[in-house]
């Protein structure tokens, strides 16, 4: 059994297009279940994303903090979705300026 490299949905053998997202999954791009879960980040990555968005919403009343909160949240989403490592400095800045809980979860997250 294989999983889509884009959305992680389980694919039947011989399927070349994911029925969920439409991604073309050729034989060399289809990955096993463990790799699909590792790339998506699991529950901790989802919790980080939720708390980063909540952090942006909590400073939305003030325009100045929003100038750095939104870009930091966008970068966090991109790095978590692509499986890229997040630097310790970025994690600490997220903790201080966007979301205390989201930053702590990022520090606990293994890249």
Protein backbone atom coordinates (compact mmCIF):
# COMPACT_ATOMS: atom_id res chain seq x y z
CA UNK A 1 0.00 0.00 0.00
CA UNK A 2 1.27 3.47 -0.88
CA UNK A 3 0.39 7.05 -0.01
CA UNK A 4 0.18 10.24 -2.07
CA UNK A 5 3.26 12.46 -1.71
CA UNK A 6 1.13 15.63 -1.73
CA UNK A 7 -1.85 14.94 0.57
CA UNK A 8 -0.89 11.62 2.22
CA UNK A 9 -4.08 9.77 1.18
CA UNK A 10 -3.79 6.02 0.91
CA UNK A 11 -3.57 4.85 -2.73
CA UNK A 12 -4.40 1.50 -4.21
CA UNK A 13 -1.72 -0.36 -6.15
CA UNK A 14 -1.42 0.72 -9.77
CA UNK A 15 -3.12 4.12 -9.26
CA UNK A 16 -1.21 6.92 -11.00
CA UNK A 17 -3.43 9.88 -9.99
CA UNK A 18 -4.52 10.58 -6.42
CA UNK A 19 -8.35 10.55 -6.20
CA UNK A 20 -8.23 13.05 -3.31
CA UNK A 21 -6.00 15.87 -4.63
CA UNK A 22 -5.38 14.97 -8.28
CA UNK A 23 -1.60 14.77 -7.83
CA UNK A 24 0.14 12.59 -10.41
CA UNK A 25 1.79 9.80 -8.43
CA UNK A 26 4.22 7.89 -10.57
CA UNK A 27 5.89 4.77 -9.26
CA UNK A 28 9.00 6.63 -8.10
CA UNK A 29 7.04 9.45 -6.41
CA UNK A 30 4.71 7.24 -4.37
CA UNK A 31 6.11 6.85 -0.87
CA UNK A 32 5.50 4.40 1.94
CA UNK A 33 3.28 5.28 4.90
CA UNK A 34 6.12 6.19 7.31
CA UNK A 35 7.59 8.73 4.89
CA UNK A 36 4.16 10.30 4.27
CA UNK A 37 3.57 10.79 7.99
CA UNK A 38 7.09 12.17 8.51
CA UNK A 39 6.65 14.73 5.73
CA UNK A 40 3.25 15.92 6.97
CA UNK A 41 4.59 16.42 10.50
CA UNK A 42 1.72 14.77 12.35
CA UNK A 43 -0.23 16.23 15.22
CA UNK A 44 2.54 18.43 16.64
CA UNK A 45 2.91 20.28 13.33
CA UNK A 46 -0.86 20.82 13.22
CA UNK A 47 -0.83 22.16 16.78
CA UNK A 48 2.02 24.53 15.87
CA UNK A 49 0.05 25.83 12.89
CA UNK A 50 -3.09 26.36 14.99
CA UNK A 51 -1.28 28.29 17.71
CA UNK A 52 0.61 30.42 15.17
CA UNK A 53 -2.70 31.43 13.55
CA UNK A 54 -4.21 32.13 16.98
CA UNK A 55 -1.16 34.26 17.78
CA UNK A 56 -1.73 36.31 14.60
CA UNK A 57 -5.39 36.75 15.49
CA UNK A 58 -4.54 37.86 19.02
CA UNK A 59 -2.34 40.73 17.76
CA UNK A 60 -4.66 41.65 14.90
CA UNK A 61 -5.94 44.69 16.79
CA UNK A 62 -2.50 46.28 16.46
CA UNK A 63 -1.06 46.75 12.98
CA UNK A 64 2.64 46.94 13.98
CA UNK A 65 2.96 43.43 15.52
CA UNK A 66 0.94 42.03 12.64
CA UNK A 67 3.72 43.12 10.26
CA UNK A 68 5.98 40.38 11.63
CA UNK A 69 3.38 37.90 12.92
CA UNK A 70 1.84 37.08 9.54
CA UNK A 71 5.14 36.56 7.64
CA UNK A 72 6.51 34.39 10.45
CA UNK A 73 3.34 32.29 10.39
CA UNK A 74 3.52 31.91 6.60
CA UNK A 75 7.17 30.83 6.78
CA UNK A 76 6.33 28.35 9.55
CA UNK A 77 3.53 26.80 7.47
CA UNK A 78 5.80 26.53 4.42
CA UNK A 79 8.65 24.92 6.33
CA UNK A 80 6.39 22.45 8.14
CA UNK A 81 4.59 21.48 4.92
CA UNK A 82 7.86 20.97 3.03
CA UNK A 83 9.58 19.17 5.89
CA UNK A 84 12.32 21.82 6.05
CA UNK A 85 14.16 22.43 9.33
CA UNK A 86 13.28 25.52 11.35
CA UNK A 87 16.17 27.35 13.00
CA UNK A 88 16.33 27.82 16.76
CA UNK A 89 16.47 31.61 16.40
CA UNK A 90 13.29 31.59 14.33
CA UNK A 91 11.61 29.35 16.91
CA UNK A 92 12.54 31.72 19.74
CA UNK A 93 11.38 34.79 17.79
CA UNK A 94 8.07 33.00 17.11
CA UNK A 95 7.79 32.25 20.81
CA UNK A 96 8.39 35.90 21.74
CA UNK A 97 6.53 37.76 19.00
CA UNK A 98 3.74 35.50 17.69
CA UNK A 99 2.64 32.71 20.01
CA UNK A 100 4.11 31.54 23.29
CA UNK A 101 2.59 28.06 23.00
CA UNK A 102 3.35 27.78 19.27
CA UNK A 103 6.98 28.71 19.91
CA UNK A 104 7.32 26.18 22.72
CA UNK A 105 5.83 23.48 20.49
CA UNK A 106 8.28 24.44 17.73
CA UNK A 107 11.17 24.10 20.17
CA UNK A 108 9.89 20.60 21.05
CA UNK A 109 9.42 19.66 17.38
CA UNK A 110 12.25 17.58 15.90
CA UNK A 111 13.13 18.77 12.41
